[in-house]
PDB file of all heavy atoms in Angstrom:
ATOM      1  N   ILE A   1       8.405 -18.705  24.316  1.00  0.00           N
ATOM      2  CA  ILE A   1       9.490 -17.846  24.731  1.00  0.00           C
ATOM      3  C   ILE A   1      10.104 -17.001  23.588  1.00  0.00           C
ATOM      4  O   ILE A   1      10.403 -15.908  23.638  1.00  0.00           O
ATOM      5  CB  ILE A   1      10.586 -18.654  25.465  1.00  0.00           C
ATOM      6  CG1 ILE A   1      10.049 -19.278  26.832  1.00  0.00           C
ATOM      7  CG2 ILE A   1      11.847 -17.800  25.744  1.00  0.00           C
ATOM      8  CD1 ILE A   1      10.889 -20.233  27.434  1.00  0.00           C
ATOM      9  N   ARG A   2      10.167 -17.701  22.489  1.00  0.00           N
ATOM     10  CA  ARG A   2      10.765 -17.096  21.259  1.00  0.00           C
ATOM     11  C   ARG A   2       9.794 -15.967  20.806  1.00  0.00           C
ATOM     12  O   ARG A   2      10.285 -14.920  20.421  1.00  0.00           O
ATOM     13  CB  ARG A   2      10.878 -18.106  20.098  1.00  0.00           C
ATOM     14  CG  ARG A   2      11.418 -17.440  18.740  1.00  0.00           C
ATOM     15  CD  ARG A   2      11.246 -18.339  17.686  1.00  0.00           C
ATOM     16  NE  ARG A   2      11.867 -19.644  17.878  1.00  0.00           N
ATOM     17  CZ  ARG A   2      11.214 -20.897  17.788  1.00  0.00           C
ATOM     18  NH1 ARG A   2       9.835 -20.824  17.674  1.00  0.00           N
ATOM     19  NH2 ARG A   2      11.869 -21.943  18.064  1.00  0.00           N
ATOM     20  N   HIS A   3       8.450 -16.077  21.002  1.00  0.00           N
ATOM     21  CA  HIS A   3       7.488 -15.020  20.572  1.00  0.00           C
ATOM     22  C   HIS A   3       7.771 -13.816  21.390  1.00  0.00           C
ATOM     23  O   HIS A   3       7.888 -12.682  20.936  1.00  0.00           O
ATOM     24  CB  HIS A   3       6.187 -15.549  20.735  1.00  0.00           C
ATOM     25  CG  HIS A   3       5.086 -14.533  20.623  1.00  0.00           C
ATOM     26  ND1 HIS A   3       4.680 -13.901  19.448  1.00  0.00           N
ATOM     27  CD2 HIS A   3       4.376 -13.944  21.635  1.00  0.00           C
ATOM     28  CE1 HIS A   3       3.795 -13.080  19.622  1.00  0.00           C
ATOM     29  NE2 HIS A   3       3.479 -12.981  20.976  1.00  0.00           N
ATOM     30  N   TYR A   4       7.831 -13.981  22.714  1.00  0.00           N
ATOM     31  CA  TYR A   4       8.006 -12.810  23.606  1.00  0.00           C
ATOM     32  C   TYR A   4       9.496 -12.204  23.508  1.00  0.00           C
ATOM     33  O   TYR A   4       9.592 -10.954  23.666  1.00  0.00           O
ATOM     34  CB  TYR A   4       7.700 -13.161  25.061  1.00  0.00           C
ATOM     35  CG  TYR A   4       6.249 -13.468  25.202  1.00  0.00           C
ATOM     36  CD1 TYR A   4       5.685 -14.736  25.379  1.00  0.00           C
ATOM     37  CD2 TYR A   4       5.266 -12.328  25.190  1.00  0.00           C
ATOM     38  CE1 TYR A   4       4.391 -14.905  25.548  1.00  0.00           C
ATOM     39  CE2 TYR A   4       3.929 -12.539  25.305  1.00  0.00           C
ATOM     40  CZ  TYR A   4       3.474 -13.857  25.658  1.00  0.00           C
ATOM     41  OH  TYR A   4       2.132 -14.099  25.767  1.00  0.00           O
ATOM     42  N   VAL A   5      10.446 -12.979  23.363  1.00  0.00           N
ATOM     43  CA  VAL A   5      11.759 -12.482  23.148  1.00  0.00           C
ATOM     44  C   VAL A   5      11.814 -11.628  21.823  1.00  0.00           C
ATOM     45  O   VAL A   5      12.474 -10.598  21.822  1.00  0.00           O
ATOM     46  CB  VAL A   5      12.895 -13.589  23.118  1.00  0.00           C
ATOM     47  CG1 VAL A   5      14.210 -13.120  22.710  1.00  0.00           C
ATOM     48  CG2 VAL A   5      12.961 -14.306  24.443  1.00  0.00           C
ATOM     49  N   THR A   6      11.193 -12.168  20.838  1.00  0.00           N
ATOM     50  CA  THR A   6      11.165 -11.446  19.537  1.00  0.00           C
ATOM     51  C   THR A   6      10.473 -10.079  19.684  1.00  0.00           C
ATOM     52  O   THR A   6      10.821  -9.085  19.057  1.00  0.00           O
ATOM     53  CB  THR A   6      10.519 -12.291  18.400  1.00  0.00           C
ATOM     54  OG1 THR A   6      11.226 -13.561  18.308  1.00  0.00           O
ATOM     55  CG2 THR A   6      10.437 -11.578  17.093  1.00  0.00           C
ATOM     56  N   GLN A   7       9.403 -10.050  20.478  1.00  0.00           N
ATOM     57  CA  GLN A   7       8.729  -8.820  20.763  1.00  0.00           C
ATOM     58  C   GLN A   7       9.576  -7.805  21.437  1.00  0.00           C
ATOM     59  O   GLN A   7       9.520  -6.572  21.192  1.00  0.00           O
ATOM     60  CB  GLN A   7       7.433  -8.980  21.499  1.00  0.00           C
ATOM     61  CG  GLN A   7       6.316  -9.611  20.632  1.00  0.00           C
ATOM     62  CD  GLN A   7       4.999  -9.647  21.389  1.00  0.00           C
ATOM     63  OE1 GLN A   7       4.942  -9.706  22.585  1.00  0.00           O
ATOM     64  NE2 GLN A   7       3.920  -9.831  20.673  1.00  0.00           N
ATOM     65  N   LEU A   8      10.408  -8.265  22.358  1.00  0.00           N
ATOM     66  CA  LEU A   8      11.300  -7.423  23.182  1.00  0.00           C
ATOM     67  C   LEU A   8      12.442  -6.846  22.293  1.00  0.00           C
ATOM     68  O   LEU A   8      12.816  -5.673  22.428  1.00  0.00           O
ATOM     69  CB  LEU A   8      11.947  -8.274  24.443  1.00  0.00           C
ATOM     70  CG  LEU A   8      10.883  -8.573  25.552  1.00  0.00           C
ATOM     71  CD1 LEU A   8      11.739  -9.422  26.555  1.00  0.00           C
ATOM     72  CD2 LEU A   8      10.351  -7.376  26.154  1.00  0.00           C
ATOM     73  N   LEU A   9      12.924  -7.642  21.303  1.00  0.00           N
ATOM     74  CA  LEU A   9      14.051  -7.268  20.479  1.00  0.00           C
ATOM     75  C   LEU A   9      13.427  -6.537  19.205  1.00  0.00           C
ATOM     76  O   LEU A   9      14.298  -6.034  18.348  1.00  0.00           O
ATOM     77  CB  LEU A   9      14.826  -8.469  20.082  1.00  0.00           C
ATOM     78  CG  LEU A   9      15.551  -9.127  21.181  1.00  0.00           C
ATOM     79  CD1 LEU A   9      16.273 -10.345  20.678  1.00  0.00           C
ATOM     80  CD2 LEU A   9      16.399  -8.288  22.013  1.00  0.00           C
ATOM     81  N   HIS A  10      12.172  -6.466  19.106  1.00  0.00           N
ATOM     82  CA  HIS A  10      11.592  -5.850  17.873  1.00  0.00           C
ATOM     83  C   HIS A  10      11.781  -4.337  17.816  1.00  0.00           C
ATOM     84  O   HIS A  10      11.756  -3.677  18.809  1.00  0.00           O
ATOM     85  CB  HIS A  10      10.105  -6.125  17.773  1.00  0.00           C
ATOM     86  CG  HIS A  10       9.417  -5.395  16.547  1.00  0.00           C
ATOM     87  ND1 HIS A  10       9.604  -5.858  15.324  1.00  0.00           N
ATOM     88  CD2 HIS A  10       8.630  -4.329  16.522  1.00  0.00           C
ATOM     89  CE1 HIS A  10       8.920  -5.048  14.503  1.00  0.00           C
ATOM     90  NE2 HIS A  10       8.331  -4.205  15.205  1.00  0.00           N
ATOM     91  N   SER A  11      12.296  -3.900  16.676  1.00  0.00           N
ATOM     92  CA  SER A  11      12.541  -2.441  16.544  1.00  0.00           C
ATOM     93  C   SER A  11      11.679  -1.937  15.344  1.00  0.00           C
ATOM     94  O   SER A  11      11.627  -2.685  14.245  1.00  0.00           O
ATOM     95  CB  SER A  11      14.006  -2.168  16.193  1.00  0.00           C
ATOM     96  OG  SER A  11      14.441  -2.864  15.060  1.00  0.00           O
ATOM     97  N   ASP A  12      11.041  -0.848  15.459  1.00  0.00           N
ATOM     98  CA  ASP A  12      10.154  -0.301  14.421  1.00  0.00           C
ATOM     99  C   ASP A  12      11.062   0.116  13.202  1.00  0.00           C
ATOM    100  O   ASP A  12      12.115   0.862  13.333  1.00  0.00           O
ATOM    101  CB  ASP A  12       9.432   0.932  14.930  1.00  0.00           C
ATOM    102  CG  ASP A  12       8.467   0.538  16.060  1.00  0.00           C
ATOM    103  OD1 ASP A  12       7.962  -0.646  16.025  1.00  0.00           O
ATOM    104  OD2 ASP A  12       8.173   1.448  16.902  1.00  0.00           O
ATOM    105  N   LYS A  13      10.588  -0.315  12.069  1.00  0.00           N
ATOM    106  CA  LYS A  13      11.334   0.093  10.814  1.00  0.00           C
ATOM    107  C   LYS A  13      10.894   1.386  10.271  1.00  0.00           C
ATOM    108  O   LYS A  13       9.708   1.811  10.431  1.00  0.00           O
ATOM    109  CB  LYS A  13      11.056  -0.964   9.686  1.00  0.00           C
ATOM    110  CG  LYS A  13      11.606  -2.436  10.098  1.00  0.00           C
ATOM    111  CD  LYS A  13      11.317  -3.456   8.989  1.00  0.00           C
ATOM    112  CE  LYS A  13      11.943  -4.789   9.318  1.00  0.00           C
ATOM    113  NZ  LYS A  13      11.603  -5.786   8.255  1.00  0.00           N
ATOM    114  N   LYS A  14      11.780   2.126   9.780  1.00  0.00           N
ATOM    115  CA  LYS A  14      11.493   3.382   9.274  1.00  0.00           C
ATOM    116  C   LYS A  14      10.696   3.317   7.906  1.00  0.00           C
ATOM    117  O   LYS A  14      11.018   2.487   7.049  1.00  0.00           O
ATOM    118  CB  LYS A  14      12.794   4.248   8.864  1.00  0.00           C
ATOM    119  CG  LYS A  14      13.643   4.541  10.222  1.00  0.00           C
ATOM    120  CD  LYS A  14      14.827   5.317   9.798  1.00  0.00           C
ATOM    121  CE  LYS A  14      15.631   5.603  11.101  1.00  0.00           C
ATOM    122  NZ  LYS A  14      16.955   6.436  10.788  1.00  0.00           N
ATOM    123  N   VAL A  15       9.606   4.065   7.843  1.00  0.00           N
ATOM    124  CA  VAL A  15       8.757   4.032   6.690  1.00  0.00           C
ATOM    125  C   VAL A  15       9.144   5.159   5.677  1.00  0.00           C
ATOM    126  O   VAL A  15       9.262   6.252   6.140  1.00  0.00           O
ATOM    127  CB  VAL A  15       7.285   4.139   7.110  1.00  0.00           C
ATOM    128  CG1 VAL A  15       6.415   4.137   5.879  1.00  0.00           C
ATOM    129  CG2 VAL A  15       6.895   3.010   8.013  1.00  0.00           C
ATOM    130  N   ASP A  16       9.402   4.780   4.448  1.00  0.00           N
ATOM    131  CA  ASP A  16       9.716   5.711   3.418  1.00  0.00           C
ATOM    132  C   ASP A  16       8.513   6.195   2.785  1.00  0.00           C
ATOM    133  O   ASP A  16       7.796   5.409   2.101  1.00  0.00           O
ATOM    134  CB  ASP A  16      10.603   5.027   2.343  1.00  0.00           C
ATOM    135  CG  ASP A  16      11.217   6.038   1.335  1.00  0.00           C
ATOM    136  OD1 ASP A  16      10.842   7.230   1.488  1.00  0.00           O
ATOM    137  OD2 ASP A  16      11.981   5.672   0.463  1.00  0.00           O
ATOM    138  N   MET A  17       8.199   7.494   3.122  1.00  0.00           N
ATOM    139  CA  MET A  17       6.848   8.035   2.626  1.00  0.00           C
ATOM    140  C   MET A  17       6.736   8.104   1.027  1.00  0.00           C
ATOM    141  O   MET A  17       5.782   7.876   0.484  1.00  0.00           O
ATOM    142  CB  MET A  17       6.723   9.442   3.196  1.00  0.00           C
ATOM    143  CG  MET A  17       6.631   9.585   4.726  1.00  0.00           C
ATOM    144  SD  MET A  17       5.319   8.447   5.391  1.00  0.00           S
ATOM    145  CE  MET A  17       3.908   9.204   4.616  1.00  0.00           C
ATOM    146  N   GLU A  18       8.007   8.234   0.507  1.00  0.00           N
ATOM    147  CA  GLU A  18       7.981   8.283  -1.039  1.00  0.00           C
ATOM    148  C   GLU A  18       7.655   6.962  -1.596  1.00  0.00           C
ATOM    149  O   GLU A  18       6.851   6.835  -2.548  1.00  0.00           O
ATOM    150  CB  GLU A  18       9.289   8.773  -1.463  1.00  0.00           C
ATOM    151  CG  GLU A  18       9.451   8.839  -2.992  1.00  0.00           C
ATOM    152  CD  GLU A  18      10.785   9.419  -3.460  1.00  0.00           C
ATOM    153  OE1 GLU A  18      10.959  10.629  -3.446  1.00  0.00           O
ATOM    154  OE2 GLU A  18      11.689   8.644  -3.755  1.00  0.00           O
ATOM    155  N   GLN A  19       8.198   5.880  -0.891  1.00  0.00           N
ATOM    156  CA  GLN A  19       7.817   4.535  -1.387  1.00  0.00           C
ATOM    157  C   GLN A  19       6.386   4.148  -1.182  1.00  0.00           C
ATOM    158  O   GLN A  19       5.737   3.488  -2.033  1.00  0.00           O
ATOM    159  CB  GLN A  19       8.756   3.503  -0.699  1.00  0.00           C
ATOM    160  CG  GLN A  19       8.662   2.067  -1.147  1.00  0.00           C
ATOM    161  CD  GLN A  19       9.657   1.179  -0.405  1.00  0.00           C
ATOM    162  OE1 GLN A  19      10.364   1.586   0.379  1.00  0.00           O
ATOM    163  NE2 GLN A  19       9.612  -0.112  -0.823  1.00  0.00           N
ATOM    164  N   VAL A  20       5.827   4.573  -0.005  1.00  0.00           N
ATOM    165  CA  VAL A  20       4.409   4.369   0.275  1.00  0.00           C
ATOM    166  C   VAL A  20       3.542   5.058  -0.684  1.00  0.00           C
ATOM    167  O   VAL A  20       2.492   4.480  -1.266  1.00  0.00           O
ATOM    168  CB  VAL A  20       4.055   4.831   1.708  1.00  0.00           C
ATOM    169  CG1 VAL A  20       2.506   4.677   1.963  1.00  0.00           C
ATOM    170  CG2 VAL A  20       4.832   4.012   2.727  1.00  0.00           C
ATOM    171  N   SER A  21       3.917   6.376  -1.092  1.00  0.00           N
ATOM    172  CA  SER A  21       3.165   7.153  -2.073  1.00  0.00           C
ATOM    173  C   SER A  21       3.123   6.445  -3.386  1.00  0.00           C
ATOM    174  O   SER A  21       2.171   6.321  -4.124  1.00  0.00           O
ATOM    175  CB  SER A  21       3.649   8.593  -2.163  1.00  0.00           C
ATOM    176  OG  SER A  21       3.041   9.270  -3.103  1.00  0.00           O
ATOM    177  N   ASP A  22       4.356   5.904  -3.811  1.00  0.00           N
ATOM    178  CA  ASP A  22       4.420   5.281  -5.177  1.00  0.00           C
ATOM    179  C   ASP A  22       3.599   4.062  -5.195  1.00  0.00           C
ATOM    180  O   ASP A  22       2.867   3.774  -6.152  1.00  0.00           O
ATOM    181  CB  ASP A  22       5.824   4.934  -5.448  1.00  0.00           C
ATOM    182  CG  ASP A  22       6.777   6.143  -5.605  1.00  0.00           C
ATOM    183  OD1 ASP A  22       6.211   7.232  -5.864  1.00  0.00           O
ATOM    184  OD2 ASP A  22       8.004   6.068  -5.520  1.00  0.00           O
ATOM    185  N   SER A  23       3.526   3.212  -4.082  1.00  0.00           N
ATOM    186  CA  SER A  23       2.830   2.062  -4.063  1.00  0.00           C
ATOM    187  C   SER A  23       1.259   2.344  -4.090  1.00  0.00           C
ATOM    188  O   SER A  23       0.529   1.674  -4.696  1.00  0.00           O
ATOM    189  CB  SER A  23       2.992   1.191  -2.797  1.00  0.00           C
ATOM    190  OG  SER A  23       2.766   1.939  -1.657  1.00  0.00           O
ATOM    191  N   GLN A  24       0.869   3.494  -3.495  1.00  0.00           N
ATOM    192  CA  GLN A  24      -0.545   3.872  -3.493  1.00  0.00           C
ATOM    193  C   GLN A  24      -0.889   4.227  -4.922  1.00  0.00           C
ATOM    194  O   GLN A  24      -2.073   4.000  -5.394  1.00  0.00           O
ATOM    195  CB  GLN A  24      -0.854   4.929  -2.491  1.00  0.00           C
ATOM    196  CG  GLN A  24      -0.706   4.590  -1.026  1.00  0.00           C
ATOM    197  CD  GLN A  24      -1.709   3.590  -0.591  1.00  0.00           C
ATOM    198  OE1 GLN A  24      -2.897   3.657  -1.051  1.00  0.00           O
ATOM    199  NE2 GLN A  24      -1.418   2.664   0.213  1.00  0.00           N
ATOM    200  N   VAL A  25      -0.069   5.014  -5.637  1.00  0.00           N
ATOM    201  CA  VAL A  25      -0.313   5.414  -6.965  1.00  0.00           C
ATOM    202  C   VAL A  25      -0.473   4.186  -7.875  1.00  0.00           C
ATOM    203  O   VAL A  25      -1.398   4.139  -8.745  1.00  0.00           O
ATOM    204  CB  VAL A  25       0.707   6.354  -7.519  1.00  0.00           C
ATOM    205  CG1 VAL A  25       0.530   6.605  -9.026  1.00  0.00           C
ATOM    206  CG2 VAL A  25       0.661   7.667  -6.695  1.00  0.00           C
ATOM    207  N   LEU A  26       0.421   3.290  -7.777  1.00  0.00           N
ATOM    208  CA  LEU A  26       0.274   2.049  -8.557  1.00  0.00           C
ATOM    209  C   LEU A  26      -0.948   1.261  -8.245  1.00  0.00           C
ATOM    210  O   LEU A  26      -1.680   0.722  -9.263  1.00  0.00           O
ATOM    211  CB  LEU A  26       1.531   1.128  -8.339  1.00  0.00           C
ATOM    212  CG  LEU A  26       2.887   1.647  -8.814  1.00  0.00           C
ATOM    213  CD1 LEU A  26       3.996   0.818  -8.337  1.00  0.00           C
ATOM    214  CD2 LEU A  26       2.887   1.833 -10.343  1.00  0.00           C
ATOM    215  N   MET A  27      -1.404   1.226  -6.999  1.00  0.00           N
ATOM    216  CA  MET A  27      -2.670   0.548  -6.647  1.00  0.00           C
ATOM    217  C   MET A  27      -3.835   1.308  -7.220  1.00  0.00           C
ATOM    218  O   MET A  27      -4.772   0.619  -7.768  1.00  0.00           O
ATOM    219  CB  MET A  27      -2.716   0.479  -5.077  1.00  0.00           C
ATOM    220  CG  MET A  27      -3.855  -0.233  -4.615  1.00  0.00           C
ATOM    221  SD  MET A  27      -4.063  -0.317  -2.867  1.00  0.00           S
ATOM    222  CE  MET A  27      -2.369  -1.083  -2.449  1.00  0.00           C
ATOM    223  N   ARG A  28      -3.831   2.659  -7.214  1.00  0.00           N
ATOM    224  CA  ARG A  28      -4.967   3.350  -7.853  1.00  0.00           C
ATOM    225  C   ARG A  28      -4.988   3.160  -9.364  1.00  0.00           C
ATOM    226  O   ARG A  28      -6.126   3.028  -9.834  1.00  0.00           O
ATOM    227  CB  ARG A  28      -4.706   4.882  -7.569  1.00  0.00           C
ATOM    228  CG  ARG A  28      -4.970   5.294  -6.079  1.00  0.00           C
ATOM    229  CD  ARG A  28      -4.514   6.681  -5.839  1.00  0.00           C
ATOM    230  NE  ARG A  28      -5.190   7.583  -6.762  1.00  0.00           N
ATOM    231  CZ  ARG A  28      -4.755   8.882  -7.006  1.00  0.00           C
ATOM    232  NH1 ARG A  28      -3.752   9.310  -6.287  1.00  0.00           N
ATOM    233  NH2 ARG A  28      -5.473   9.683  -7.856  1.00  0.00           N
ATOM    234  N   SER A  29      -3.922   3.056  -9.948  1.00  0.00           N
ATOM    235  CA  SER A  29      -3.918   2.849 -11.417  1.00  0.00           C
ATOM    236  C   SER A  29      -4.429   1.466 -11.724  1.00  0.00           C
ATOM    237  O   SER A  29      -5.227   1.260 -12.632  1.00  0.00           O
ATOM    238  CB  SER A  29      -2.518   2.984 -11.975  1.00  0.00           C
ATOM    239  OG  SER A  29      -2.411   2.654 -13.368  1.00  0.00           O
ATOM    240  N   ARG A  30      -4.023   0.460 -10.947  1.00  0.00           N
ATOM    241  CA  ARG A  30      -4.478  -0.865 -11.150  1.00  0.00           C
ATOM    242  C   ARG A  30      -6.065  -1.068 -10.941  1.00  0.00           C
ATOM    243  O   ARG A  30      -6.784  -1.696 -11.689  1.00  0.00           O
ATOM    244  CB  ARG A  30      -3.764  -1.824 -10.226  1.00  0.00           C
ATOM    245  CG  ARG A  30      -4.124  -3.359 -10.545  1.00  0.00           C
ATOM    246  CD  ARG A  30      -3.366  -4.299  -9.741  1.00  0.00           C
ATOM    247  NE  ARG A  30      -3.626  -4.219  -8.254  1.00  0.00           N
ATOM    248  CZ  ARG A  30      -2.895  -3.573  -7.337  1.00  0.00           C
ATOM    249  NH1 ARG A  30      -1.694  -3.111  -7.758  1.00  0.00           N
ATOM    250  NH2 ARG A  30      -3.281  -3.715  -6.078  1.00  0.00           N
ATOM    251  N   ILE A  31      -6.544  -0.349  -9.898  1.00  0.00           N
ATOM    252  CA  ILE A  31      -7.938  -0.313  -9.656  1.00  0.00           C
ATOM    253  C   ILE A  31      -8.715   0.378 -10.704  1.00  0.00           C
ATOM    254  O   ILE A  31      -9.874  -0.032 -11.179  1.00  0.00           O
ATOM    255  CB  ILE A  31      -8.316   0.402  -8.268  1.00  0.00           C
ATOM    256  CG1 ILE A  31      -7.687  -0.432  -7.113  1.00  0.00           C
ATOM    257  CG2 ILE A  31      -9.742   0.541  -8.098  1.00  0.00           C
ATOM    258  CD1 ILE A  31      -7.835   0.249  -5.813  1.00  0.00           C
ATOM    259  N   LEU A  32      -8.187   1.404 -11.370  1.00  0.00           N
ATOM    260  CA  LEU A  32      -8.803   2.037 -12.550  1.00  0.00           C
ATOM    261  C   LEU A  32      -8.828   1.137 -13.658  1.00  0.00           C
ATOM    262  O   LEU A  32      -9.828   1.117 -14.395  1.00  0.00           O
ATOM    263  CB  LEU A  32      -7.977   3.316 -12.831  1.00  0.00           C
ATOM    264  CG  LEU A  32      -8.456   4.149 -14.085  1.00  0.00           C
ATOM    265  CD1 LEU A  32      -9.949   4.618 -13.761  1.00  0.00           C
ATOM    266  CD2 LEU A  32      -7.565   5.224 -14.366  1.00  0.00           C
ATOM    267  N   ARG A  33      -7.810   0.421 -13.936  1.00  0.00           N
ATOM    268  CA  ARG A  33      -7.801  -0.566 -15.037  1.00  0.00           C
ATOM    269  C   ARG A  33      -8.854  -1.674 -14.870  1.00  0.00           C
ATOM    270  O   ARG A  33      -9.468  -2.084 -15.823  1.00  0.00           O
ATOM    271  CB  ARG A  33      -6.366  -1.224 -15.216  1.00  0.00           C
ATOM    272  CG  ARG A  33      -5.372  -0.230 -15.822  1.00  0.00           C
ATOM    273  CD  ARG A  33      -4.169  -1.059 -16.205  1.00  0.00           C
ATOM    274  NE  ARG A  33      -3.389  -1.494 -15.076  1.00  0.00           N
ATOM    275  CZ  ARG A  33      -3.319  -2.792 -14.664  1.00  0.00           C
ATOM    276  NH1 ARG A  33      -3.835  -3.666 -15.356  1.00  0.00           N
ATOM    277  NH2 ARG A  33      -2.578  -3.058 -13.660  1.00  0.00           N
ATOM    278  N   GLU A  34      -9.053  -2.082 -13.613  1.00  0.00           N
ATOM    279  CA  GLU A  34      -9.921  -3.249 -13.421  1.00  0.00           C
ATOM    280  C   GLU A  34     -11.359  -2.759 -13.222  1.00  0.00           C
ATOM    281  O   GLU A  34     -12.310  -3.605 -13.604  1.00  0.00           O
ATOM    282  CB  GLU A  34      -9.434  -3.942 -12.072  1.00  0.00           C
ATOM    283  CG  GLU A  34      -8.119  -4.605 -12.239  1.00  0.00           C
ATOM    284  CD  GLU A  34      -7.575  -5.154 -10.912  1.00  0.00           C
ATOM    285  OE1 GLU A  34      -8.284  -5.042  -9.877  1.00  0.00           O
ATOM    286  OE2 GLU A  34      -6.519  -5.869 -10.979  1.00  0.00           O
ATOM    287  N   ASN A  35     -11.602  -1.582 -12.646  1.00  0.00           N
ATOM    288  CA  ASN A  35     -12.964  -1.190 -12.307  1.00  0.00           C
ATOM    289  C   ASN A  35     -13.316   0.019 -13.040  1.00  0.00           C
ATOM    290  O   ASN A  35     -14.346   0.615 -12.669  1.00  0.00           O
ATOM    291  CB  ASN A  35     -13.068  -1.023 -10.794  1.00  0.00           C
ATOM    292  CG  ASN A  35     -12.753  -2.273 -10.015  1.00  0.00           C
ATOM    293  OD1 ASN A  35     -13.182  -3.388 -10.397  1.00  0.00           O
ATOM    294  ND2 ASN A  35     -12.063  -2.136  -9.001  1.00  0.00           N
ATOM    295  N   GLY A  36     -12.618   0.437 -14.030  1.00  0.00           N
ATOM    296  CA  GLY A  36     -12.939   1.681 -14.766  1.00  0.00           C
ATOM    297  C   GLY A  36     -14.260   1.596 -15.505  1.00  0.00           C
ATOM    298  O   GLY A  36     -14.822   2.577 -15.909  1.00  0.00           O
ATOM    299  N   LYS A  37     -14.721   0.432 -15.761  1.00  0.00           N
ATOM    300  CA  LYS A  37     -15.958   0.244 -16.567  1.00  0.00           C
ATOM    301  C   LYS A  37     -17.161   0.610 -15.740  1.00  0.00           C
ATOM    302  O   LYS A  37     -18.264   0.776 -16.382  1.00  0.00           O
ATOM    303  CB  LYS A  37     -16.106  -1.252 -16.998  1.00  0.00           C
ATOM    304  CG  LYS A  37     -16.109  -2.264 -15.847  1.00  0.00           C
ATOM    305  CD  LYS A  37     -16.136  -3.632 -16.431  1.00  0.00           C
ATOM    306  CE  LYS A  37     -16.106  -4.699 -15.219  1.00  0.00           C
ATOM    307  NZ  LYS A  37     -16.088  -6.034 -15.695  1.00  0.00           N
ATOM    308  N   TYR A  38     -17.018   0.840 -14.506  1.00  0.00           N
ATOM    309  CA  TYR A  38     -18.178   1.132 -13.642  1.00  0.00           C
ATOM    310  C   TYR A  38     -18.327   2.698 -13.487  1.00  0.00           C
ATOM    311  O   TYR A  38     -19.204   3.114 -12.637  1.00  0.00           O
ATOM    312  CB  TYR A  38     -18.152   0.539 -12.304  1.00  0.00           C
ATOM    313  CG  TYR A  38     -18.173  -0.999 -12.422  1.00  0.00           C
ATOM    314  CD1 TYR A  38     -17.007  -1.746 -12.085  1.00  0.00           C
ATOM    315  CD2 TYR A  38     -19.258  -1.734 -12.785  1.00  0.00           C
ATOM    316  CE1 TYR A  38     -17.080  -3.153 -12.172  1.00  0.00           C
ATOM    317  CE2 TYR A  38     -19.314  -3.000 -12.892  1.00  0.00           C
ATOM    318  CZ  TYR A  38     -18.277  -3.790 -12.605  1.00  0.00           C
ATOM    319  OH  TYR A  38     -18.238  -5.201 -12.695  1.00  0.00           O
ATOM    320  N   ILE A  39     -17.487   3.450 -13.964  1.00  0.00           N
ATOM    321  CA  ILE A  39     -17.597   4.989 -13.937  1.00  0.00           C
ATOM    322  C   ILE A  39     -17.748   5.469 -15.319  1.00  0.00           C
ATOM    323  O   ILE A  39     -17.490   4.839 -16.284  1.00  0.00           O
ATOM    324  CB  ILE A  39     -16.346   5.598 -13.250  1.00  0.00           C
ATOM    325  CG1 ILE A  39     -15.147   5.183 -14.115  1.00  0.00           C
ATOM    326  CG2 ILE A  39     -16.149   5.103 -11.864  1.00  0.00           C
ATOM    327  CD1 ILE A  39     -13.803   5.850 -13.605  1.00  0.00           C
ATOM    328  N   PRO A  40     -18.369   6.669 -15.537  1.00  0.00           N
ATOM    329  CA  PRO A  40     -18.653   7.245 -16.848  1.00  0.00           C
ATOM    330  C   PRO A  40     -17.329   7.467 -17.657  1.00  0.00           C
ATOM    331  O   PRO A  40     -16.201   7.490 -17.056  1.00  0.00           O
ATOM    332  CB  PRO A  40     -19.313   8.556 -16.637  1.00  0.00           C
ATOM    333  CG  PRO A  40     -19.847   8.432 -15.271  1.00  0.00           C
ATOM    334  CD  PRO A  40     -18.949   7.467 -14.461  1.00  0.00           C
ATOM    335  N   ARG A  41     -17.395   7.541 -18.957  1.00  0.00           N
ATOM    336  CA  ARG A  41     -16.277   7.727 -19.803  1.00  0.00           C
ATOM    337  C   ARG A  41     -15.451   8.980 -19.505  1.00  0.00           C
ATOM    338  O   ARG A  41     -14.286   8.964 -19.493  1.00  0.00           O
ATOM    339  CB  ARG A  41     -16.766   7.786 -21.352  1.00  0.00           C
ATOM    340  CG  ARG A  41     -15.571   7.907 -22.290  1.00  0.00           C
ATOM    341  CD  ARG A  41     -16.197   7.906 -23.687  1.00  0.00           C
ATOM    342  NE  ARG A  41     -16.854   6.678 -24.017  1.00  0.00           N
ATOM    343  CZ  ARG A  41     -16.242   5.581 -24.427  1.00  0.00           C
ATOM    344  NH1 ARG A  41     -14.951   5.490 -24.636  1.00  0.00           N
ATOM    345  NH2 ARG A  41     -17.023   4.470 -24.672  1.00  0.00           N
ATOM    346  N   GLN A  42     -16.182  10.075 -19.168  1.00  0.00           N
ATOM    347  CA  GLN A  42     -15.433  11.246 -18.826  1.00  0.00           C
ATOM    348  C   GLN A  42     -14.627  11.124 -17.505  1.00  0.00           C
ATOM    349  O   GLN A  42     -13.459  11.562 -17.493  1.00  0.00           O
ATOM    350  CB  GLN A  42     -16.373  12.488 -18.718  1.00  0.00           C
ATOM    351  CG  GLN A  42     -15.754  13.837 -18.430  1.00  0.00           C
ATOM    352  CD  GLN A  42     -16.760  14.881 -18.276  1.00  0.00           C
ATOM    353  OE1 GLN A  42     -17.878  14.775 -18.374  1.00  0.00           O
ATOM    354  NE2 GLN A  42     -16.210  16.171 -18.039  1.00  0.00           N
ATOM    355  N   SER A  43     -15.171  10.498 -16.579  1.00  0.00           N
ATOM    356  CA  SER A  43     -14.434  10.270 -15.324  1.00  0.00           C
ATOM    357  C   SER A  43     -13.205   9.381 -15.610  1.00  0.00           C
ATOM    358  O   SER A  43     -12.161   9.578 -15.035  1.00  0.00           O
ATOM    359  CB  SER A  43     -15.381   9.665 -14.303  1.00  0.00           C
ATOM    360  OG  SER A  43     -16.502  10.532 -14.024  1.00  0.00           O
ATOM    361  N   PHE A  44     -13.430   8.348 -16.372  1.00  0.00           N
ATOM    362  CA  PHE A  44     -12.297   7.398 -16.706  1.00  0.00           C
ATOM    363  C   PHE A  44     -11.172   8.102 -17.482  1.00  0.00           C
ATOM    364  O   PHE A  44      -9.950   8.011 -17.151  1.00  0.00           O
ATOM    365  CB  PHE A  44     -12.800   6.305 -17.532  1.00  0.00           C
ATOM    366  CG  PHE A  44     -11.748   5.343 -17.922  1.00  0.00           C
ATOM    367  CD1 PHE A  44     -11.287   4.332 -17.092  1.00  0.00           C
ATOM    368  CD2 PHE A  44     -11.142   5.318 -19.271  1.00  0.00           C
ATOM    369  CE1 PHE A  44     -10.278   3.436 -17.499  1.00  0.00           C
ATOM    370  CE2 PHE A  44     -10.101   4.577 -19.571  1.00  0.00           C
ATOM    371  CZ  PHE A  44      -9.788   3.576 -18.755  1.00  0.00           C
TER     372      PHE A  44
END
């Protein structure tokens, strides 16, 4: 019952596009640091 009541009372949270964009940029930079050795030096 708690599961279905929670679904009925659930409200969609507003997504901040700027915050999502910043998190994606940080993720891209982290991927570059970890996997940059697999691309040529110029691309890195």
